[in-house]
N, C-alpha and C. Protein backbone atom coordinates (compact mmCIF):
# COMPACT_ATOMS: atom_id res chain seq x y z
N MET A 1 80.38 142.05 -4.72
CA MET A 1 79.89 142.84 -6.03
C MET A 1 77.81 142.78 -5.44
N LEU A 2 76.96 143.41 -6.11
CA LEU A 2 75.70 143.83 -6.14
C LEU A 2 75.33 143.11 -7.21
N ARG A 3 74.49 141.92 -6.89
CA ARG A 3 73.67 141.39 -8.07
C ARG A 3 72.31 140.94 -7.70
N GLU A 4 71.38 140.21 -8.54
CA GLU A 4 70.02 140.05 -7.98
C GLU A 4 70.26 139.16 -7.35
N PRO A 5 68.70 138.39 -6.44
CA PRO A 5 69.14 137.39 -5.73
C PRO A 5 69.11 135.92 -7.53
N GLU A 6 69.08 134.94 -6.41
CA GLU A 6 69.06 133.65 -7.56
C GLU A 6 68.82 132.33 -6.90
N ALA A 7 68.41 131.16 -7.01
CA ALA A 7 67.99 130.34 -6.52
C ALA A 7 69.57 129.75 -5.49
N ARG A 8 70.65 130.17 -6.06
CA ARG A 8 71.44 129.37 -5.02
C ARG A 8 71.71 130.60 -3.59
N ASP A 9 70.99 131.39 -3.69
CA ASP A 9 70.95 132.38 -2.23
C ASP A 9 70.20 131.77 -0.90
N ARG A 10 69.28 130.54 -1.26
CA ARG A 10 68.04 130.39 -0.29
C ARG A 10 68.41 130.00 1.06
N ALA A 11 69.61 129.26 0.55
CA ALA A 11 70.19 128.93 1.90
C ALA A 11 70.98 129.97 3.04
N ALA A 12 71.50 130.96 2.03
CA ALA A 12 72.18 131.98 3.07
C ALA A 12 70.81 133.27 3.39
N VAL A 13 69.92 133.11 2.88
CA VAL A 13 68.49 133.95 2.88
C VAL A 13 68.21 133.42 4.42
N ILE A 14 67.89 132.24 4.24
CA ILE A 14 67.35 131.44 5.09
C ILE A 14 68.26 131.57 6.82
N GLU A 15 69.71 131.16 6.41
CA GLU A 15 70.55 131.51 7.11
C GLU A 15 70.47 133.44 8.33
N LEU A 16 70.32 134.28 7.25
CA LEU A 16 70.34 135.55 7.71
C LEU A 16 68.53 135.79 8.99
N PHE A 17 67.64 135.54 8.06
CA PHE A 17 66.59 135.29 8.80
C PHE A 17 66.60 134.84 10.25
N ALA A 18 66.96 133.62 10.23
CA ALA A 18 67.29 132.63 11.36
C ALA A 18 68.54 133.09 12.58
N SER A 19 69.11 133.56 11.81
CA SER A 19 70.42 133.76 12.99
C SER A 19 69.94 135.24 14.13
N PRO A 20 70.07 134.49 15.16
CA PRO A 20 70.15 135.58 16.73
C PRO A 20 70.81 136.72 16.38
N GLU A 21 72.13 136.12 16.25
CA GLU A 21 73.09 137.88 15.68
C GLU A 21 72.40 138.70 14.74
N VAL A 22 71.98 138.36 13.80
CA VAL A 22 71.70 138.99 12.71
C VAL A 22 70.19 139.87 13.23
N SER A 23 69.84 139.03 13.63
CA SER A 23 67.94 139.96 14.08
C SER A 23 67.86 140.70 15.28
N THR A 24 69.07 140.58 15.64
CA THR A 24 69.38 141.08 17.62
C THR A 24 68.45 142.65 17.30
N TYR A 25 68.70 143.34 16.74
CA TYR A 25 67.66 144.59 16.27
C TYR A 25 66.62 144.74 15.70
N LEU A 26 66.26 143.64 14.96
CA LEU A 26 65.22 143.19 14.20
C LEU A 26 64.24 142.58 14.82
N GLY A 27 63.88 142.65 15.63
CA GLY A 27 62.80 141.97 16.69
C GLY A 27 63.01 140.35 16.82
N GLY A 28 64.48 139.77 16.43
CA GLY A 28 64.73 138.38 17.03
C GLY A 28 64.33 137.67 15.69
N PRO A 29 65.10 136.21 15.98
CA PRO A 29 65.21 135.22 15.06
C PRO A 29 63.91 134.60 14.29
N ARG A 30 63.56 134.41 13.36
CA ARG A 30 62.41 133.44 12.95
C ARG A 30 62.91 132.13 13.24
N PRO A 31 61.41 131.51 12.85
CA PRO A 31 62.24 129.51 13.18
C PRO A 31 62.37 129.15 11.94
N ARG A 32 63.78 128.56 11.83
CA ARG A 32 64.36 127.76 10.15
C ARG A 32 63.29 126.92 9.91
N ASP A 33 62.78 126.45 10.47
CA ASP A 33 61.32 125.38 9.59
C ASP A 33 60.65 126.43 9.08
N GLU A 34 59.80 127.69 9.77
CA GLU A 34 59.58 128.28 9.26
C GLU A 34 59.88 128.65 8.18
N LEU A 35 61.18 129.26 7.61
CA LEU A 35 61.63 129.82 6.92
C LEU A 35 62.26 128.72 5.74
N GLU A 36 62.47 127.41 6.00
CA GLU A 36 62.72 126.30 5.15
C GLU A 36 61.15 126.25 4.38
N ARG A 37 59.92 126.76 5.05
CA ARG A 37 58.60 125.89 3.92
C ARG A 37 58.44 127.43 3.44
N SER A 38 58.81 128.98 4.08
CA SER A 38 58.13 130.10 4.03
C SER A 38 59.32 130.74 2.25
N VAL A 39 60.66 130.73 2.21
CA VAL A 39 61.50 130.67 1.49
C VAL A 39 61.51 130.63 0.43
N PRO A 40 60.90 130.95 -1.21
CA PRO A 40 60.51 130.63 -2.10
C PRO A 40 61.92 129.64 -2.74
N GLU A 41 62.01 128.87 -3.79
CA GLU A 41 63.44 127.74 -4.07
C GLU A 41 64.16 129.32 -4.68
N MET A 42 62.64 129.67 -6.03
CA MET A 42 63.22 130.99 -7.29
C MET A 42 62.75 131.99 -6.43
N PRO A 43 63.56 133.02 -5.88
CA PRO A 43 63.88 134.69 -5.46
C PRO A 43 62.75 134.80 -6.35
N LYS A 44 62.14 135.99 -5.99
CA LYS A 44 61.42 137.46 -6.68
C LYS A 44 62.30 138.50 -6.90
N ARG A 45 62.98 138.90 -8.31
CA ARG A 45 63.34 140.31 -8.22
C ARG A 45 63.21 141.32 -8.60
N ARG A 46 63.67 142.10 -8.27
CA ARG A 46 63.17 143.82 -8.40
C ARG A 46 63.90 144.76 -8.17
N PRO A 47 63.58 145.92 -8.68
CA PRO A 47 64.54 147.35 -8.73
C PRO A 47 64.94 147.42 -6.94
N GLY A 48 65.71 147.67 -6.10
CA GLY A 48 66.09 148.08 -5.38
C GLY A 48 66.34 147.00 -4.79
N LEU A 49 66.22 145.52 -4.95
CA LEU A 49 67.56 144.40 -3.82
C LEU A 49 68.36 143.75 -4.49
N PHE A 50 69.50 144.56 -3.79
CA PHE A 50 70.79 143.66 -4.07
C PHE A 50 71.20 142.22 -3.29
N VAL A 51 71.58 141.30 -3.52
CA VAL A 51 72.59 140.56 -2.89
C VAL A 51 73.90 140.95 -3.04
N VAL A 52 74.35 140.82 -1.85
CA VAL A 52 75.70 141.44 -1.63
C VAL A 52 76.42 139.74 -2.25
N ASP A 53 78.12 139.81 -2.98
CA ASP A 53 78.02 138.62 -3.42
C ASP A 53 79.63 138.78 -2.85
N LEU A 54 80.34 137.69 -2.51
CA LEU A 54 81.86 138.16 -2.44
C LEU A 54 82.24 136.58 -2.41
N ASP A 55 82.92 136.24 -3.52
CA ASP A 55 83.29 135.17 -4.16
C ASP A 55 82.65 133.68 -4.40
N GLY A 56 81.49 134.58 -5.08
CA GLY A 56 80.42 133.75 -5.48
C GLY A 56 79.26 133.54 -4.65
N ALA A 57 79.14 133.85 -3.56
CA ALA A 57 78.76 133.30 -2.14
C ALA A 57 77.95 135.01 -1.67
N MET A 58 76.86 134.47 -1.66
CA MET A 58 75.81 135.48 -0.79
C MET A 58 76.72 135.96 0.70
N ILE A 59 76.81 137.08 1.44
CA ILE A 59 77.34 137.23 2.40
C ILE A 59 76.37 138.23 3.29
N GLY A 60 75.23 139.02 2.17
CA GLY A 60 74.29 139.96 2.66
C GLY A 60 73.08 140.16 1.79
N ILE A 61 72.52 141.01 2.11
CA ILE A 61 71.37 141.69 1.34
C ILE A 61 71.43 143.25 1.69
N VAL A 62 71.01 143.70 0.96
CA VAL A 62 71.03 145.63 1.04
C VAL A 62 69.46 145.97 -0.02
N THR A 63 68.60 146.63 0.14
CA THR A 63 67.71 147.13 -0.10
C THR A 63 67.25 148.35 0.18
N LEU A 64 66.37 148.92 -1.09
CA LEU A 64 65.92 150.21 -1.12
C LEU A 64 64.27 149.70 -1.57
N ASP A 65 63.30 150.17 -0.51
CA ASP A 65 62.02 150.48 -0.35
C ASP A 65 61.70 151.22 -0.23
N ARG A 66 60.28 151.93 -0.33
CA ARG A 66 59.52 152.86 0.15
C ARG A 66 59.24 152.74 1.46
N ARG A 67 59.04 153.58 2.44
CA ARG A 67 58.98 153.30 4.21
C ARG A 67 57.57 153.72 4.06
N ASP A 68 56.53 152.22 4.89
CA ASP A 68 55.58 152.86 5.10
C ASP A 68 54.77 153.85 5.79
N ALA A 69 54.30 154.69 5.73
CA ALA A 69 53.64 155.72 6.21
C ALA A 69 52.57 155.97 7.04
N GLU A 70 52.25 155.10 7.23
CA GLU A 70 52.03 154.30 8.53
C GLU A 70 52.78 154.54 9.72
N ARG A 71 54.08 154.19 9.24
CA ARG A 71 55.48 154.20 10.65
C ARG A 71 55.92 155.60 10.79
N PRO A 72 56.69 155.34 12.23
CA PRO A 72 57.20 157.01 12.50
C PRO A 72 58.22 157.33 11.71
N GLY A 73 58.44 159.04 11.57
CA GLY A 73 59.76 158.96 10.96
C GLY A 73 59.74 159.22 9.37
N HIS A 74 60.01 160.73 8.64
CA HIS A 74 59.72 160.71 7.71
C HIS A 74 59.73 162.31 7.42
N VAL A 75 60.21 162.58 5.96
CA VAL A 75 61.34 164.18 5.98
C VAL A 75 60.19 164.48 5.07
N ARG A 76 59.15 164.79 4.66
CA ARG A 76 58.07 165.34 3.81
C ARG A 76 56.98 164.52 3.78
N PRO A 77 56.21 165.48 3.54
CA PRO A 77 54.62 165.15 3.84
C PRO A 77 54.27 164.11 2.58
N GLY A 78 53.34 163.07 3.26
CA GLY A 78 52.88 162.29 2.76
C GLY A 78 53.59 161.15 2.35
N ALA A 79 54.93 161.15 2.77
CA ALA A 79 55.95 160.05 3.05
C ALA A 79 56.46 159.18 1.77
N GLY A 80 56.96 158.25 1.92
CA GLY A 80 56.69 157.21 0.55
C GLY A 80 58.45 157.65 0.59
N GLU A 81 59.84 158.09 1.39
CA GLU A 81 60.69 157.52 0.85
C GLU A 81 61.05 156.43 0.50
N ALA A 82 62.25 156.84 0.09
CA ALA A 82 62.98 155.62 0.28
C ALA A 82 63.29 155.08 1.02
N GLU A 83 63.62 154.10 1.90
CA GLU A 83 64.82 154.03 2.89
C GLU A 83 65.39 152.40 2.89
N LEU A 84 66.76 153.12 3.36
CA LEU A 84 67.63 151.22 3.05
C LEU A 84 67.88 150.56 4.57
N GLY A 85 67.95 149.37 3.72
CA GLY A 85 67.91 148.44 4.67
C GLY A 85 68.67 147.31 4.08
N TYR A 86 69.29 146.53 5.24
CA TYR A 86 70.64 145.67 4.67
C TYR A 86 70.57 144.70 6.13
N MET A 87 71.52 143.57 5.77
CA MET A 87 71.48 142.13 6.37
C MET A 87 72.78 141.89 6.22
N PHE A 88 73.24 141.49 6.43
CA PHE A 88 75.03 140.62 6.71
C PHE A 88 74.88 139.85 7.52
N LEU A 89 75.43 138.10 6.59
CA LEU A 89 76.03 137.09 7.97
C LEU A 89 77.12 138.07 8.55
N PRO A 90 77.00 137.39 10.31
CA PRO A 90 78.32 137.34 11.19
C PRO A 90 79.74 137.30 10.35
N GLU A 91 79.87 136.41 9.63
CA GLU A 91 81.16 136.23 9.51
C GLU A 91 81.62 137.40 8.16
N ALA A 92 81.04 138.23 7.85
CA ALA A 92 81.16 139.46 7.14
C ALA A 92 81.18 140.54 7.70
N TRP A 93 80.63 140.71 9.31
CA TRP A 93 80.85 142.26 9.44
C TRP A 93 82.10 142.15 9.74
N GLY A 94 82.20 143.64 10.05
CA GLY A 94 83.55 144.29 10.71
C GLY A 94 84.23 144.41 9.44
N CYS A 95 84.31 144.04 8.04
CA CYS A 95 84.84 143.88 7.29
C CYS A 95 85.01 145.19 6.05
N GLY A 96 83.94 145.88 6.51
CA GLY A 96 83.75 146.65 5.50
C GLY A 96 83.07 146.74 4.23
N TYR A 97 82.04 145.60 4.04
CA TYR A 97 81.81 144.91 3.38
C TYR A 97 80.19 145.90 3.34
N ALA A 98 79.41 145.49 4.23
CA ALA A 98 78.11 146.89 4.28
C ALA A 98 78.40 148.13 4.19
N ALA A 99 79.21 148.89 4.49
CA ALA A 99 79.59 150.36 4.30
C ALA A 99 79.87 150.02 2.14
N GLU A 100 80.35 149.51 2.03
CA GLU A 100 80.63 149.57 0.10
C GLU A 100 79.82 149.24 0.05
N ALA A 101 78.80 148.30 -0.05
CA ALA A 101 77.64 147.43 -0.52
C ALA A 101 76.91 148.63 -0.91
N CYS A 102 76.57 149.29 0.23
CA CYS A 102 75.61 150.20 1.11
C CYS A 102 75.62 151.77 0.00
N ALA A 103 76.63 151.62 -0.40
CA ALA A 103 77.27 152.97 -0.35
C ALA A 103 77.25 153.10 -2.44
N ALA A 104 77.42 151.93 -3.06
CA ALA A 104 77.05 151.24 -4.17
C ALA A 104 75.72 151.15 -4.62
N ALA A 105 74.65 150.72 -3.66
CA ALA A 105 73.25 150.65 -3.77
C ALA A 105 72.82 152.18 -3.89
N LEU A 106 73.25 152.93 -2.97
CA LEU A 106 73.49 154.55 -2.10
C LEU A 106 73.26 155.25 -4.11
N ASP A 107 74.24 154.67 -4.88
CA ASP A 107 75.13 155.52 -6.17
C ASP A 107 74.58 155.04 -6.97
N TRP A 108 73.81 153.75 -6.70
CA TRP A 108 72.53 153.58 -7.88
C TRP A 108 71.42 154.37 -7.92
N PHE A 109 70.90 154.02 -6.86
CA PHE A 109 69.34 154.94 -6.41
C PHE A 109 70.08 156.05 -6.96
N ALA A 110 70.72 157.00 -6.99
CA ALA A 110 70.85 158.22 -7.04
C ALA A 110 70.84 158.83 -8.77
N GLY A 111 71.11 157.88 -9.68
CA GLY A 111 71.30 157.47 -10.63
C GLY A 111 69.84 157.30 -11.22
N ALA A 112 69.15 156.62 -10.17
CA ALA A 112 67.49 155.67 -10.74
C ALA A 112 66.77 156.89 -10.82
N LEU A 113 66.92 157.22 -9.82
CA LEU A 113 66.13 158.82 -8.64
C LEU A 113 66.69 159.93 -8.85
N PRO A 114 67.81 160.93 -9.46
CA PRO A 114 68.10 161.70 -8.95
C PRO A 114 67.60 162.92 -8.13
N GLY A 115 68.01 163.13 -6.81
CA GLY A 115 68.02 164.48 -6.16
C GLY A 115 66.46 163.27 -5.04
N GLU A 116 66.09 162.47 -5.08
CA GLU A 116 65.45 161.75 -4.09
C GLU A 116 66.11 161.82 -2.91
N SER A 117 65.43 161.85 -1.71
CA SER A 117 66.43 160.96 -0.67
C SER A 117 66.13 159.75 -0.17
N VAL A 118 66.69 159.68 0.53
CA VAL A 118 66.67 157.80 1.64
C VAL A 118 67.12 158.36 2.82
N VAL A 119 65.97 157.47 3.65
CA VAL A 119 66.31 157.40 4.62
C VAL A 119 66.51 156.03 5.76
N LEU A 120 67.19 156.19 6.78
CA LEU A 120 67.28 155.12 7.62
C LEU A 120 66.82 154.71 8.50
N CYS A 121 66.63 153.87 8.75
CA CYS A 121 66.05 153.40 10.71
C CYS A 121 66.47 152.67 11.44
N THR A 122 66.91 152.95 12.29
CA THR A 122 67.46 151.98 13.26
C THR A 122 67.74 152.11 14.74
N GLN A 123 68.01 150.74 15.76
CA GLN A 123 67.90 151.31 17.16
C GLN A 123 68.91 151.76 17.29
N THR A 124 68.87 152.52 18.23
CA THR A 124 70.03 153.90 18.60
C THR A 124 71.24 152.39 19.97
N ALA A 125 70.68 151.88 20.16
CA ALA A 125 70.92 150.96 20.64
C ALA A 125 72.30 150.14 19.70
N ASN A 126 71.69 149.87 18.21
CA ASN A 126 72.28 148.98 17.57
C ASN A 126 74.08 149.92 17.02
N ALA A 127 75.08 150.21 17.70
CA ALA A 127 75.93 150.96 17.62
C ALA A 127 76.82 150.34 15.85
N ARG A 128 76.78 149.52 15.65
CA ARG A 128 77.33 149.46 14.30
C ARG A 128 76.74 150.16 12.62
N SER A 129 75.36 149.66 13.59
CA SER A 129 74.01 150.40 12.31
C SER A 129 74.03 152.33 12.65
N MET A 130 74.55 152.45 13.92
CA MET A 130 74.45 153.81 13.83
C MET A 130 75.79 154.58 13.29
N ARG A 131 77.06 154.05 13.15
CA ARG A 131 78.26 154.58 12.55
C ARG A 131 78.49 154.38 11.08
N LEU A 132 77.19 153.29 10.48
CA LEU A 132 77.70 153.43 9.14
C LEU A 132 76.74 154.06 8.42
N ALA A 133 75.43 154.62 9.19
CA ALA A 133 74.66 155.70 9.17
C ALA A 133 75.04 156.82 8.72
N ALA A 134 76.63 157.50 9.88
CA ALA A 134 77.24 158.55 9.86
C ALA A 134 77.73 158.45 8.60
N LYS A 135 78.71 157.34 8.20
CA LYS A 135 80.00 156.53 7.36
C LYS A 135 78.89 157.05 5.74
N LEU A 136 77.78 156.88 5.32
CA LEU A 136 77.21 156.63 4.56
C LEU A 136 76.20 158.11 4.20
N GLY A 137 76.92 159.04 5.42
CA GLY A 137 75.86 160.56 4.85
C GLY A 137 75.09 160.76 5.91
N PHE A 138 74.44 160.11 6.18
CA PHE A 138 73.19 160.24 6.71
C PHE A 138 72.69 161.31 8.31
N THR A 139 72.07 161.96 8.07
CA THR A 139 71.83 162.69 9.43
C THR A 139 70.94 162.42 10.22
N GLU A 140 70.59 162.87 11.71
CA GLU A 140 69.85 162.57 12.30
C GLU A 140 68.61 163.37 12.39
N VAL A 141 67.64 163.08 11.68
CA VAL A 141 65.79 163.95 12.11
C VAL A 141 65.00 164.23 13.02
N GLU A 142 65.17 162.78 13.90
CA GLU A 142 64.42 162.60 14.72
C GLU A 142 65.22 161.67 15.32
N ARG A 143 64.20 160.95 16.48
CA ARG A 143 64.61 159.77 17.16
C ARG A 143 62.83 159.65 17.94
N PHE A 144 62.44 158.16 17.78
CA PHE A 144 61.53 157.66 18.57
C PHE A 144 61.39 156.31 19.12
N GLU A 145 60.17 156.60 19.89
CA GLU A 145 60.22 154.53 20.46
C GLU A 145 59.24 153.60 19.02
N GLU A 146 59.30 152.81 19.03
CA GLU A 146 59.25 151.66 18.03
C GLU A 146 59.77 150.50 18.70
N TRP A 147 58.81 149.67 18.52
CA TRP A 147 59.28 148.21 18.64
C TRP A 147 59.86 148.38 20.16
N ASP A 148 58.95 148.94 21.08
CA ASP A 148 59.81 148.53 22.61
C ASP A 148 61.37 149.01 22.48
N ALA A 149 61.37 149.96 21.73
CA ALA A 149 63.09 150.68 21.82
C ALA A 149 63.00 151.71 21.22
N GLU A 150 64.40 152.81 21.29
CA GLU A 150 64.80 153.86 20.31
C GLU A 150 64.90 153.78 19.50
N GLN A 151 64.44 154.13 18.60
CA GLN A 151 64.89 154.13 16.90
C GLN A 151 65.68 155.93 16.68
N TRP A 152 66.76 155.98 15.89
CA TRP A 152 67.35 156.91 15.27
C TRP A 152 67.23 156.53 13.66
N PHE A 153 66.73 158.35 13.33
CA PHE A 153 65.95 157.87 11.71
C PHE A 153 66.28 159.43 11.34
N GLY A 154 67.34 158.72 10.30
CA GLY A 154 68.25 159.77 9.65
C GLY A 154 67.71 160.18 7.87
N VAL A 155 68.37 160.87 7.58
CA VAL A 155 68.15 161.20 5.84
C VAL A 155 69.67 161.26 5.18
N ARG A 156 69.21 161.03 4.07
CA ARG A 156 70.54 161.19 3.09
C ARG A 156 70.50 162.49 2.19
N SER A 157 70.10 163.57 1.62
CA SER A 157 70.21 164.68 0.78
C SER A 157 70.36 165.99 1.02
N SER A 158 69.56 166.61 0.25
CA SER A 158 69.71 167.82 0.77
C SER A 158 68.81 168.52 0.77
N ILE A 159 67.43 167.32 0.77
CA ILE A 159 66.04 168.49 0.99
C ILE A 159 65.74 168.37 2.79
N THR A 160 65.18 169.37 3.20
CA THR A 160 65.28 169.99 4.80
C THR A 160 63.80 169.00 5.06
N PRO A 161 63.87 168.29 6.28
CA PRO A 161 62.96 168.15 6.83
C PRO A 161 61.80 168.35 7.04
N SER A 162 60.72 168.05 7.08
CA SER A 162 59.61 169.26 7.20
C SER A 162 59.21 168.53 8.64
N ASP A 163 58.17 170.19 9.51
CA ASP A 163 57.83 169.37 10.60
C ASP A 163 56.59 168.57 10.39
């Protein structure tokens, strides 16, 4: 189930960002003590931020945010495309939860902003994320170097990428 973040999710959020397994392709884990100080007791809520809930407990998050125009990888002039992001606790890996949750978030987005494209960027070394991108219907636009790693950039829409 996708839902808004709640205060009870704080410990799982800290675990996500402190986990070396989760952050392997995301720049590495953040120090737990730093997270304990910086993660608010009551989370901010906003459209496009979903907690993935399994039996009353948070197992991951899915986000749809605007891609920063300064970053490489865009499908239209002026950038600002919606970008799909996700993180799941290791115990939820390999069960299909990411595919189900991301598909549900993409369905929500298509209803909220019909016809707008969604992009996804992942390291090419992240085989699980590459498989999920294909399963969700993303097609490759380009590859580039960022954060000292080759990145795969794809789009999910009928919009033709611009040069």
